[in-house]
Amino acid sequence: MALSPYNGWEPALSGQGIYAMGIEIIGEITDVETIAAGGSIREMARLRRVYGRGRWRKLKGIARVRLSDSAICQAEVHWYEAHGIGRREEKIKRLLWEQ
């Protein structure tokens, strides 16, 4: 039986990412880049319906995260953000395991 890189923690996959339930971001998010803004965001109608109108952007960055099993690693994190509303729906796109 092969060992899982998740060390016994099986992620809850949704779409193409791991939603940040049970995951804590430690420190700052670095290397922040804008992926999409305004009408380029596929989820725009839902974001406005759930969180309200705003200048929505989809961003990505690198952060140290603590997983639900207390393992700490670096991960690429994606989220939506709007001025006056803040960061919403953080999810891990991929884990960057330290060797």
PDB file of N, CA and C in Angstrom:
ATOM      1  N   MET A   1       0.844  -1.182   0.000  1.00  0.00           N
ATOM      2  CA  MET A   1       0.000   0.000   0.000  1.00  0.00           C
ATOM      3  C   MET A   1       0.882   1.235   0.000  1.00  0.00           C
ATOM      4  N   ALA A   2       0.680   2.123  -0.967  1.00  0.00           N
ATOM      5  CA  ALA A   2       1.487   3.335  -1.082  1.00  0.00           C
ATOM      6  C   ALA A   2       1.073   4.360  -0.036  1.00  0.00           C
ATOM      7  N   LEU A   3       2.046   5.087   0.464  1.00  0.00           N
ATOM      8  CA  LEU A   3       1.757   6.135   1.440  1.00  0.00           C
ATOM      9  C   LEU A   3       1.197   7.366   0.733  1.00  0.00           C
ATOM     10  N   SER A   4       0.202   7.947   1.329  1.00  0.00           N
ATOM     11  CA  SER A   4      -0.410   9.152   0.785  1.00  0.00           C
ATOM     12  C   SER A   4       0.420  10.363   1.185  1.00  0.00           C
ATOM     13  N   PRO A   5       0.588  11.343   0.294  1.00  0.00           N
ATOM     14  CA  PRO A   5       1.303  12.561   0.681  1.00  0.00           C
ATOM     15  C   PRO A   5       0.513  13.372   1.691  1.00  0.00           C
ATOM     16  N   TYR A   6      -0.736  12.984   1.944  1.00  0.00           N
ATOM     17  CA  TYR A   6      -1.577  13.720   2.888  1.00  0.00           C
ATOM     18  C   TYR A   6      -1.402  13.229   4.317  1.00  0.00           C
ATOM     19  N   ASN A   7      -0.547  12.227   4.550  1.00  0.00           N
ATOM     20  CA  ASN A   7      -0.287  11.697   5.886  1.00  0.00           C
ATOM     21  C   ASN A   7      -1.565  11.316   6.622  1.00  0.00           C
ATOM     22  N   GLY A   8      -2.449  10.594   5.948  1.00  0.00           N
ATOM     23  CA  GLY A   8      -3.676  10.155   6.585  1.00  0.00           C
ATOM     24  C   GLY A   8      -4.827  11.136   6.458  1.00  0.00           C
ATOM     25  N   TRP A   9      -4.561  12.349   6.020  1.00  0.00           N
ATOM     26  CA  TRP A   9      -5.598  13.361   5.862  1.00  0.00           C
ATOM     27  C   TRP A   9      -6.070  13.330   4.431  1.00  0.00           C
ATOM     28  N   GLU A  10      -7.318  13.008   4.208  1.00  0.00           N
ATOM     29  CA  GLU A  10      -7.865  12.967   2.864  1.00  0.00           C
ATOM     30  C   GLU A  10      -8.625  14.261   2.602  1.00  0.00           C
ATOM     31  N   PRO A  11      -8.224  15.027   1.614  1.00  0.00           N
ATOM     32  CA  PRO A  11      -8.850  16.315   1.351  1.00  0.00           C
ATOM     33  C   PRO A  11     -10.271  16.179   0.816  1.00  0.00           C
ATOM     34  N   ALA A  12     -11.103  17.172   1.135  1.00  0.00           N
ATOM     35  CA  ALA A  12     -12.455  17.230   0.589  1.00  0.00           C
ATOM     36  C   ALA A  12     -12.365  17.996  -0.721  1.00  0.00           C
ATOM     37  N   LEU A  13     -12.372  17.269  -1.825  1.00  0.00           N
ATOM     38  CA  LEU A  13     -12.214  17.909  -3.129  1.00  0.00           C
ATOM     39  C   LEU A  13     -13.534  18.506  -3.586  1.00  0.00           C
ATOM     40  N   SER A  14     -13.446  19.694  -4.132  1.00  0.00           N
ATOM     41  CA  SER A  14     -14.616  20.346  -4.689  1.00  0.00           C
ATOM     42  C   SER A  14     -14.157  21.049  -5.950  1.00  0.00           C
ATOM     43  N   GLY A  15     -14.630  20.625  -7.085  1.00  0.00           N
ATOM     44  CA  GLY A  15     -14.139  21.195  -8.323  1.00  0.00           C
ATOM     45  C   GLY A  15     -12.693  20.800  -8.509  1.00  0.00           C
ATOM     46  N   GLN A  16     -11.817  21.785  -8.566  1.00  0.00           N
ATOM     47  CA  GLN A  16     -10.402  21.487  -8.756  1.00  0.00           C
ATOM     48  C   GLN A  16      -9.567  21.930  -7.573  1.00  0.00           C
ATOM     49  N   GLY A  17     -10.177  22.149  -6.424  1.00  0.00           N
ATOM     50  CA  GLY A  17      -9.403  22.602  -5.284  1.00  0.00           C
ATOM     51  C   GLY A  17      -9.851  21.940  -3.999  1.00  0.00           C
ATOM     52  N   ILE A  18      -9.112  22.182  -2.953  1.00  0.00           N
ATOM     53  CA  ILE A  18      -9.431  21.680  -1.635  1.00  0.00           C
ATOM     54  C   ILE A  18      -9.934  22.879  -0.843  1.00  0.00           C
ATOM     55  N   TYR A  19     -11.199  22.893  -0.470  1.00  0.00           N
ATOM     56  CA  TYR A  19     -11.720  24.030   0.272  1.00  0.00           C
ATOM     57  C   TYR A  19     -11.102  24.081   1.652  1.00  0.00           C
ATOM     58  N   ALA A  20     -10.942  25.253   2.172  1.00  0.00           N
ATOM     59  CA  ALA A  20     -10.175  25.484   3.394  1.00  0.00           C
ATOM     60  C   ALA A  20     -10.960  25.197   4.673  1.00  0.00           C
ATOM     61  N   MET A  21     -11.738  24.128   4.692  1.00  0.00           N
ATOM     62  CA  MET A  21     -12.420  23.734   5.912  1.00  0.00           C
ATOM     63  C   MET A  21     -11.422  22.962   6.755  1.00  0.00           C
ATOM     64  N   GLY A  22     -11.210  23.388   7.988  1.00  0.00           N
ATOM     65  CA  GLY A  22     -10.265  22.711   8.849  1.00  0.00           C
ATOM     66  C   GLY A  22      -8.825  23.053   8.530  1.00  0.00           C
ATOM     67  N   ILE A  23      -8.614  24.104   7.748  1.00  0.00           N
ATOM     68  CA  ILE A  23      -7.277  24.521   7.364  1.00  0.00           C
ATOM     69  C   ILE A  23      -7.051  25.936   7.870  1.00  0.00           C
ATOM     70  N   GLU A  24      -5.901  26.170   8.486  1.00  0.00           N
ATOM     71  CA  GLU A  24      -5.573  27.482   9.026  1.00  0.00           C
ATOM     72  C   GLU A  24      -4.383  28.055   8.254  1.00  0.00           C
ATOM     73  N   ILE A  25      -4.525  29.278   7.764  1.00  0.00           N
ATOM     74  CA  ILE A  25      -3.413  29.942   7.088  1.00  0.00           C
ATOM     75  C   ILE A  25      -2.547  30.573   8.158  1.00  0.00           C
ATOM     76  N   ILE A  26      -1.248  30.248   8.130  1.00  0.00           N
ATOM     77  CA  ILE A  26      -0.305  30.730   9.133  1.00  0.00           C
ATOM     78  C   ILE A  26       0.526  31.848   8.509  1.00  0.00           C
ATOM     79  N   GLY A  27       0.515  33.006   9.092  1.00  0.00           N
ATOM     80  CA  GLY A  27       1.316  34.120   8.582  1.00  0.00           C
ATOM     81  C   GLY A  27       0.705  34.770   7.362  1.00  0.00           C
ATOM     82  N   GLU A  28       1.569  35.395   6.576  1.00  0.00           N
ATOM     83  CA  GLU A  28       1.121  36.145   5.411  1.00  0.00           C
ATOM     84  C   GLU A  28       1.082  35.279   4.160  1.00  0.00           C
ATOM     85  N   ILE A  29       0.266  35.718   3.203  1.00  0.00           N
ATOM     86  CA  ILE A  29       0.240  35.083   1.888  1.00  0.00           C
ATOM     87  C   ILE A  29       1.214  35.869   1.016  1.00  0.00           C
ATOM     88  N   THR A  30       2.164  35.180   0.389  1.00  0.00           N
ATOM     89  CA  THR A  30       3.172  35.844  -0.433  1.00  0.00           C
ATOM     90  C   THR A  30       2.939  35.555  -1.908  1.00  0.00           C
ATOM     91  N   ASP A  31       3.668  36.243  -2.757  1.00  0.00           N
ATOM     92  CA  ASP A  31       3.599  36.057  -4.213  1.00  0.00           C
ATOM     93  C   ASP A  31       2.159  36.156  -4.731  1.00  0.00           C
ATOM     94  N   VAL A  32       1.427  37.164  -4.245  1.00  0.00           N
ATOM     95  CA  VAL A  32       0.019  37.325  -4.613  1.00  0.00           C
ATOM     96  C   VAL A  32      -0.091  37.831  -6.050  1.00  0.00           C
ATOM     97  N   GLU A  33      -0.928  37.161  -6.832  1.00  0.00           N
ATOM     98  CA  GLU A  33      -1.185  37.546  -8.220  1.00  0.00           C
ATOM     99  C   GLU A  33      -2.683  37.562  -8.468  1.00  0.00           C
ATOM    100  N   THR A  34      -3.131  38.494  -9.306  1.00  0.00           N
ATOM    101  CA  THR A  34      -4.527  38.525  -9.713  1.00  0.00           C
ATOM    102  C   THR A  34      -4.708  37.573 -10.885  1.00  0.00           C
ATOM    103  N   ILE A  35      -5.659  36.652 -10.759  1.00  0.00           N
ATOM    104  CA  ILE A  35      -5.950  35.689 -11.825  1.00  0.00           C
ATOM    105  C   ILE A  35      -7.010  36.264 -12.754  1.00  0.00           C
ATOM    106  N   ALA A  36      -8.053  36.867 -12.171  1.00  0.00           N
ATOM    107  CA  ALA A  36      -9.165  37.409 -12.960  1.00  0.00           C
ATOM    108  C   ALA A  36      -9.808  38.552 -12.189  1.00  0.00           C
ATOM    109  N   ALA A  37     -10.461  39.439 -12.909  1.00  0.00           N
ATOM    110  CA  ALA A  37     -11.153  40.562 -12.278  1.00  0.00           C
ATOM    111  C   ALA A  37     -12.430  40.880 -13.049  1.00  0.00           C
ATOM    112  N   GLY A  38     -13.426  41.372 -12.320  1.00  0.00           N
ATOM    113  CA  GLY A  38     -14.670  41.804 -12.947  1.00  0.00           C
ATOM    114  C   GLY A  38     -15.378  40.704 -13.709  1.00  0.00           C
ATOM    115  N   GLY A  39     -15.773  41.020 -14.937  1.00  0.00           N
ATOM    116  CA  GLY A  39     -16.539  40.092 -15.766  1.00  0.00           C
ATOM    117  C   GLY A  39     -15.799  38.833 -16.168  1.00  0.00           C
ATOM    118  N   SER A  40     -14.487  38.782 -15.959  1.00  0.00           N
ATOM    119  CA  SER A  40     -13.702  37.579 -16.295  1.00  0.00           C
ATOM    120  C   SER A  40     -13.915  36.452 -15.297  1.00  0.00           C
ATOM    121  N   ILE A  41     -14.520  36.755 -14.157  1.00  0.00           N
ATOM    122  CA  ILE A  41     -14.741  35.748 -13.121  1.00  0.00           C
ATOM    123  C   ILE A  41     -16.016  34.980 -13.446  1.00  0.00           C
ATOM    124  N   ARG A  42     -15.901  33.671 -13.585  1.00  0.00           N
ATOM    125  CA  ARG A  42     -17.055  32.824 -13.919  1.00  0.00           C
ATOM    126  C   ARG A  42     -18.139  32.878 -12.853  1.00  0.00           C
ATOM    127  N   GLU A  43     -17.748  33.005 -11.609  1.00  0.00           N
ATOM    128  CA  GLU A  43     -18.667  32.928 -10.472  1.00  0.00           C
ATOM    129  C   GLU A  43     -19.241  34.292 -10.076  1.00  0.00           C
ATOM    130  N   MET A  44     -19.151  35.292 -10.933  1.00  0.00           N
ATOM    131  CA  MET A  44     -19.528  36.655 -10.560  1.00  0.00           C
ATOM    132  C   MET A  44     -20.969  36.765 -10.057  1.00  0.00           C
ATOM    133  N   ALA A  45     -21.923  36.185 -10.744  1.00  0.00           N
ATOM    134  CA  ALA A  45     -23.328  36.290 -10.324  1.00  0.00           C
ATOM    135  C   ALA A  45     -23.525  35.706  -8.928  1.00  0.00           C
ATOM    136  N   ARG A  46     -22.902  34.557  -8.669  1.00  0.00           N
ATOM    137  CA  ARG A  46     -23.037  33.931  -7.351  1.00  0.00           C
ATOM    138  C   ARG A  46     -22.359  34.748  -6.263  1.00  0.00           C
ATOM    139  N   LEU A  47     -21.176  35.294  -6.543  1.00  0.00           N
ATOM    140  CA  LEU A  47     -20.482  36.116  -5.559  1.00  0.00           C
ATOM    141  C   LEU A  47     -21.313  37.333  -5.178  1.00  0.00           C
ATOM    142  N   ARG A  48     -21.907  37.979  -6.161  1.00  0.00           N
ATOM    143  CA  ARG A  48     -22.755  39.151  -5.878  1.00  0.00           C
ATOM    144  C   ARG A  48     -24.001  38.757  -5.091  1.00  0.00           C
ATOM    145  N   ARG A  49     -24.596  37.623  -5.439  1.00  0.00           N
ATOM    146  CA  ARG A  49     -25.800  37.178  -4.745  1.00  0.00           C
ATOM    147  C   ARG A  49     -25.495  36.826  -3.285  1.00  0.00           C
ATOM    148  N   VAL A  50     -24.383  36.145  -3.040  1.00  0.00           N
ATOM    149  CA  VAL A  50     -24.052  35.679  -1.693  1.00  0.00           C
ATOM    150  C   VAL A  50     -23.438  36.771  -0.827  1.00  0.00           C
ATOM    151  N   TYR A  51     -22.493  37.550  -1.371  1.00  0.00           N
ATOM    152  CA  TYR A  51     -21.722  38.488  -0.565  1.00  0.00           C
ATOM    153  C   TYR A  51     -22.021  39.958  -0.858  1.00  0.00           C
ATOM    154  N   GLY A  52     -22.667  40.262  -1.974  1.00  0.00           N
ATOM    155  CA  GLY A  52     -22.991  41.640  -2.322  1.00  0.00           C
ATOM    156  C   GLY A  52     -22.120  42.168  -3.447  1.00  0.00           C
ATOM    157  N   ARG A  53     -22.511  43.344  -3.939  1.00  0.00           N
ATOM    158  CA  ARG A  53     -21.774  43.963  -5.031  1.00  0.00           C
ATOM    159  C   ARG A  53     -20.421  44.462  -4.549  1.00  0.00           C
ATOM    160  N   GLY A  54     -19.462  44.441  -5.425  1.00  0.00           N
ATOM    161  CA  GLY A  54     -18.127  44.911  -5.102  1.00  0.00           C
ATOM    162  C   GLY A  54     -17.229  44.733  -6.307  1.00  0.00           C
ATOM    163  N   ARG A  55     -16.017  45.243  -6.218  1.00  0.00           N
ATOM    164  CA  ARG A  55     -15.030  45.058  -7.285  1.00  0.00           C
ATOM    165  C   ARG A  55     -14.319  43.736  -7.021  1.00  0.00           C
ATOM    166  N   TRP A  56     -14.923  42.655  -7.488  1.00  0.00           N
ATOM    167  CA  TRP A  56     -14.436  41.315  -7.206  1.00  0.00           C
ATOM    168  C   TRP A  56     -13.210  40.975  -8.037  1.00  0.00           C
ATOM    169  N   ARG A  57     -12.244  40.316  -7.389  1.00  0.00           N
ATOM    170  CA  ARG A  57     -11.049  39.803  -8.044  1.00  0.00           C
ATOM    171  C   ARG A  57     -10.791  38.389  -7.543  1.00  0.00           C
ATOM    172  N   LYS A  58     -10.245  37.553  -8.415  1.00  0.00           N
ATOM    173  CA  LYS A  58      -9.803  36.227  -8.002  1.00  0.00           C
ATOM    174  C   LYS A  58      -8.291  36.291  -7.917  1.00  0.00           C
ATOM    175  N   LEU A  59      -7.744  35.894  -6.762  1.00  0.00           N
ATOM    176  CA  LEU A  59      -6.312  35.996  -6.531  1.00  0.00           C
ATOM    177  C   LEU A  59      -5.718  34.642  -6.148  1.00  0.00           C
ATOM    178  N   LYS A  60      -4.391  34.549  -6.276  1.00  0.00           N
ATOM    179  CA  LYS A  60      -3.676  33.356  -5.824  1.00  0.00           C
ATOM    180  C   LYS A  60      -2.387  33.795  -5.162  1.00  0.00           C
ATOM    181  N   GLY A  61      -1.880  32.944  -4.269  1.00  0.00           N
ATOM    182  CA  GLY A  61      -0.631  33.227  -3.579  1.00  0.00           C
ATOM    183  C   GLY A  61      -0.129  31.975  -2.886  1.00  0.00           C
ATOM    184  N   ILE A  62       1.040  32.098  -2.258  1.00  0.00           N
ATOM    185  CA  ILE A  62       1.670  30.992  -1.542  1.00  0.00           C
ATOM    186  C   ILE A  62       1.587  31.289  -0.050  1.00  0.00           C
ATOM    187  N   ALA A  63       1.165  30.289   0.731  1.00  0.00           N
ATOM    188  CA  ALA A  63       1.039  30.469   2.177  1.00  0.00           C
ATOM    189  C   ALA A  63       1.405  29.192   2.902  1.00  0.00           C
ATOM    190  N   ARG A  64       1.845  29.341   4.140  1.00  0.00           N
ATOM    191  CA  ARG A  64       2.029  28.184   5.016  1.00  0.00           C
ATOM    192  C   ARG A  64       0.674  27.887   5.623  1.00  0.00           C
ATOM    193  N   VAL A  65       0.275  26.636   5.596  1.00  0.00           N
ATOM    194  CA  VAL A  65      -1.033  26.245   6.121  1.00  0.00           C
ATOM    195  C   VAL A  65      -0.880  25.118   7.131  1.00  0.00           C
ATOM    196  N   ARG A  66      -1.777  25.111   8.098  1.00  0.00           N
ATOM    197  CA  ARG A  66      -1.853  24.000   9.047  1.00  0.00           C
ATOM    198  C   ARG A  66      -3.094  23.207   8.660  1.00  0.00           C
ATOM    199  N   LEU A  67      -2.897  21.946   8.314  1.00  0.00           N
ATOM    200  CA  LEU A  67      -3.995  21.085   7.907  1.00  0.00           C
ATOM    201  C   LEU A  67      -4.737  20.572   9.136  1.00  0.00           C
ATOM    202  N   SER A  68      -5.851  19.914   8.931  1.00  0.00           N
ATOM    203  CA  SER A  68      -6.678  19.434  10.031  1.00  0.00           C
ATOM    204  C   SER A  68      -5.959  18.406  10.910  1.00  0.00           C
ATOM    205  N   ASP A  69      -4.923  17.742  10.381  1.00  0.00           N
ATOM    206  CA  ASP A  69      -4.167  16.775  11.189  1.00  0.00           C
ATOM    207  C   ASP A  69      -2.929  17.408  11.830  1.00  0.00           C
ATOM    208  N   SER A  70      -2.858  18.755  11.853  1.00  0.00           N
ATOM    209  CA  SER A  70      -1.770  19.550  12.444  1.00  0.00           C
ATOM    210  C   SER A  70      -0.494  19.563  11.627  1.00  0.00           C
ATOM    211  N   ALA A  71      -0.479  18.945  10.456  1.00  0.00           N
ATOM    212  CA  ALA A  71       0.691  19.006   9.584  1.00  0.00           C
ATOM    213  C   ALA A  71       0.792  20.426   9.021  1.00  0.00           C
ATOM    214  N   ILE A  72       2.006  20.933   8.932  1.00  0.00           N
ATOM    215  CA  ILE A  72       2.237  22.272   8.388  1.00  0.00           C
ATOM    216  C   ILE A  72       3.013  22.139   7.090  1.00  0.00           C
ATOM    217  N   CYS A  73       2.523  22.801   6.039  1.00  0.00           N
ATOM    218  CA  CYS A  73       3.212  22.776   4.753  1.00  0.00           C
ATOM    219  C   CYS A  73       2.870  24.046   3.990  1.00  0.00           C
ATOM    220  N   GLN A  74       3.550  24.254   2.885  1.00  0.00           N
ATOM    221  CA  GLN A  74       3.238  25.389   2.027  1.00  0.00           C
ATOM    222  C   GLN A  74       2.226  24.945   0.990  1.00  0.00           C
ATOM    223  N   ALA A  75       1.383  25.884   0.572  1.00  0.00           N
ATOM    224  CA  ALA A  75       0.356  25.544  -0.400  1.00  0.00           C
ATOM    225  C   ALA A  75       0.076  26.747  -1.283  1.00  0.00           C
ATOM    226  N   GLU A  76      -0.377  26.457  -2.501  1.00  0.00           N
ATOM    227  CA  GLU A  76      -0.882  27.508  -3.375  1.00  0.00           C
ATOM    228  C   GLU A  76      -2.349  27.694  -3.005  1.00  0.00           C
ATOM    229  N   VAL A  77      -2.700  28.911  -2.614  1.00  0.00           N
ATOM    230  CA  VAL A  77      -4.048  29.212  -2.145  1.00  0.00           C
ATOM    231  C   VAL A  77      -4.726  30.148  -3.136  1.00  0.00           C
ATOM    232  N   HIS A  78      -5.992  29.887  -3.472  1.00  0.00           N
ATOM    233  CA  HIS A  78      -6.792  30.760  -4.325  1.00  0.00           C
ATOM    234  C   HIS A  78      -7.955  31.293  -3.507  1.00  0.00           C
ATOM    235  N   TRP A  79      -8.397  32.526  -3.787  1.00  0.00           N
ATOM    236  CA  TRP A  79      -9.527  33.106  -3.081  1.00  0.00           C
ATOM    237  C   TRP A  79     -10.125  34.247  -3.900  1.00  0.00           C
ATOM    238  N   TYR A  80     -11.324  34.681  -3.494  1.00  0.00           N
ATOM    239  CA  TYR A  80     -11.982  35.844  -4.078  1.00  0.00           C
ATOM    240  C   TYR A  80     -11.882  36.977  -3.073  1.00  0.00           C
ATOM    241  N   GLU A  81     -11.810  38.213  -3.580  1.00  0.00           N
ATOM    242  CA  GLU A  81     -11.676  39.369  -2.698  1.00  0.00           C
ATOM    243  C   GLU A  81     -12.341  40.576  -3.329  1.00  0.00           C
ATOM    244  N   ALA A  82     -13.000  41.381  -2.503  1.00  0.00           N
ATOM    245  CA  ALA A  82     -13.599  42.627  -2.969  1.00  0.00           C
ATOM    246  C   ALA A  82     -13.371  43.700  -1.907  1.00  0.00           C
ATOM    247  N   HIS A  83     -13.149  44.922  -2.345  1.00  0.00           N
ATOM    248  CA  HIS A  83     -12.940  46.039  -1.423  1.00  0.00           C
ATOM    249  C   HIS A  83     -14.185  46.230  -0.561  1.00  0.00           C
ATOM    250  N   GLY A  84     -13.990  46.335   0.727  1.00  0.00           N
ATOM    251  CA  GLY A  84     -15.097  46.516   1.650  1.00  0.00           C
ATOM    252  C   GLY A  84     -15.764  45.224   2.073  1.00  0.00           C
ATOM    253  N   ILE A  85     -15.472  44.135   1.404  1.00  0.00           N
ATOM    254  CA  ILE A  85     -16.051  42.834   1.734  1.00  0.00           C
ATOM    255  C   ILE A  85     -14.973  41.911   2.292  1.00  0.00           C
ATOM    256  N   GLY A  86     -13.788  41.954   1.701  1.00  0.00           N
ATOM    257  CA  GLY A  86     -12.672  41.156   2.195  1.00  0.00           C
ATOM    258  C   GLY A  86     -12.467  39.864   1.437  1.00  0.00           C
ATOM    259  N   ARG A  87     -11.617  39.012   2.006  1.00  0.00           N
ATOM    260  CA  ARG A  87     -11.228  37.743   1.381  1.00  0.00           C
ATOM    261  C   ARG A  87     -12.297  36.691   1.674  1.00  0.00           C
ATOM    262  N   ARG A  88     -12.724  35.969   0.643  1.00  0.00           N
ATOM    263  CA  ARG A  88     -13.771  34.954   0.779  1.00  0.00           C
ATOM    264  C   ARG A  88     -13.386  33.684   0.018  1.00  0.00           C
ATOM    265  N   GLU A  89     -13.879  32.560   0.488  1.00  0.00           N
ATOM    266  CA  GLU A  89     -13.776  31.262  -0.174  1.00  0.00           C
ATOM    267  C   GLU A  89     -12.340  30.863  -0.506  1.00  0.00           C
ATOM    268  N   GLU A  90     -11.504  30.835   0.511  1.00  0.00           N
ATOM    269  CA  GLU A  90     -10.121  30.389   0.315  1.00  0.00           C
ATOM    270  C   GLU A  90     -10.110  28.896   0.065  1.00  0.00           C
ATOM    271  N   LYS A  91      -9.282  28.467  -0.865  1.00  0.00           N
ATOM    272  CA  LYS A  91      -9.122  27.037  -1.109  1.00  0.00           C
ATOM    273  C   LYS A  91      -7.696  26.749  -1.528  1.00  0.00           C
ATOM    274  N   ILE A  92      -7.261  25.551  -1.216  1.00  0.00           N
ATOM    275  CA  ILE A  92      -5.925  25.111  -1.595  1.00  0.00           C
ATOM    276  C   ILE A  92      -6.018  24.472  -2.972  1.00  0.00           C
ATOM    277  N   LYS A  93      -5.185  24.945  -3.888  1.00  0.00           N
ATOM    278  CA  LYS A  93      -5.140  24.360  -5.225  1.00  0.00           C
ATOM    279  C   LYS A  93      -4.122  23.235  -5.287  1.00  0.00           C
ATOM    280  N   ARG A  94      -2.998  23.402  -4.603  1.00  0.00           N
ATOM    281  CA  ARG A  94      -2.012  22.313  -4.557  1.00  0.00           C
ATOM    282  C   ARG A  94      -1.116  22.505  -3.352  1.00  0.00           C
ATOM    283  N   LEU A  95      -0.692  21.394  -2.800  1.00  0.00           N
ATOM    284  CA  LEU A  95       0.217  21.403  -1.654  1.00  0.00           C
ATOM    285  C   LEU A  95       1.648  21.369  -2.167  1.00  0.00           C
ATOM    286  N   LEU A  96       2.493  22.177  -1.568  1.00  0.00           N
ATOM    287  CA  LEU A  96       3.908  22.237  -1.939  1.00  0.00           C
ATOM    288  C   LEU A  96       4.692  21.635  -0.773  1.00  0.00           C
ATOM    289  N   TRP A  97       4.834  20.334  -0.794  1.00  0.00           N
ATOM    290  CA  TRP A  97       5.474  19.624   0.323  1.00  0.00           C
ATOM    291  C   TRP A  97       6.940  19.979   0.420  1.00  0.00           C
ATOM    292  N   GLU A  98       7.390  20.253   1.634  1.00  0.00           N
ATOM    293  CA  GLU A  98       8.799  20.559   1.878  1.00  0.00           C
ATOM    294  C   GLU A  98       9.553  19.248   2.040  1.00  0.00           C
ATOM    295  N   GLN A  99      10.702  19.151   1.422  1.00  0.00           N
ATOM    296  CA  GLN A  99      11.479  17.913   1.492  1.00  0.00           C
ATOM    297  C   GLN A  99      12.448  17.962   2.642  1.00  0.00           C
TER     298      GLN A  99
END
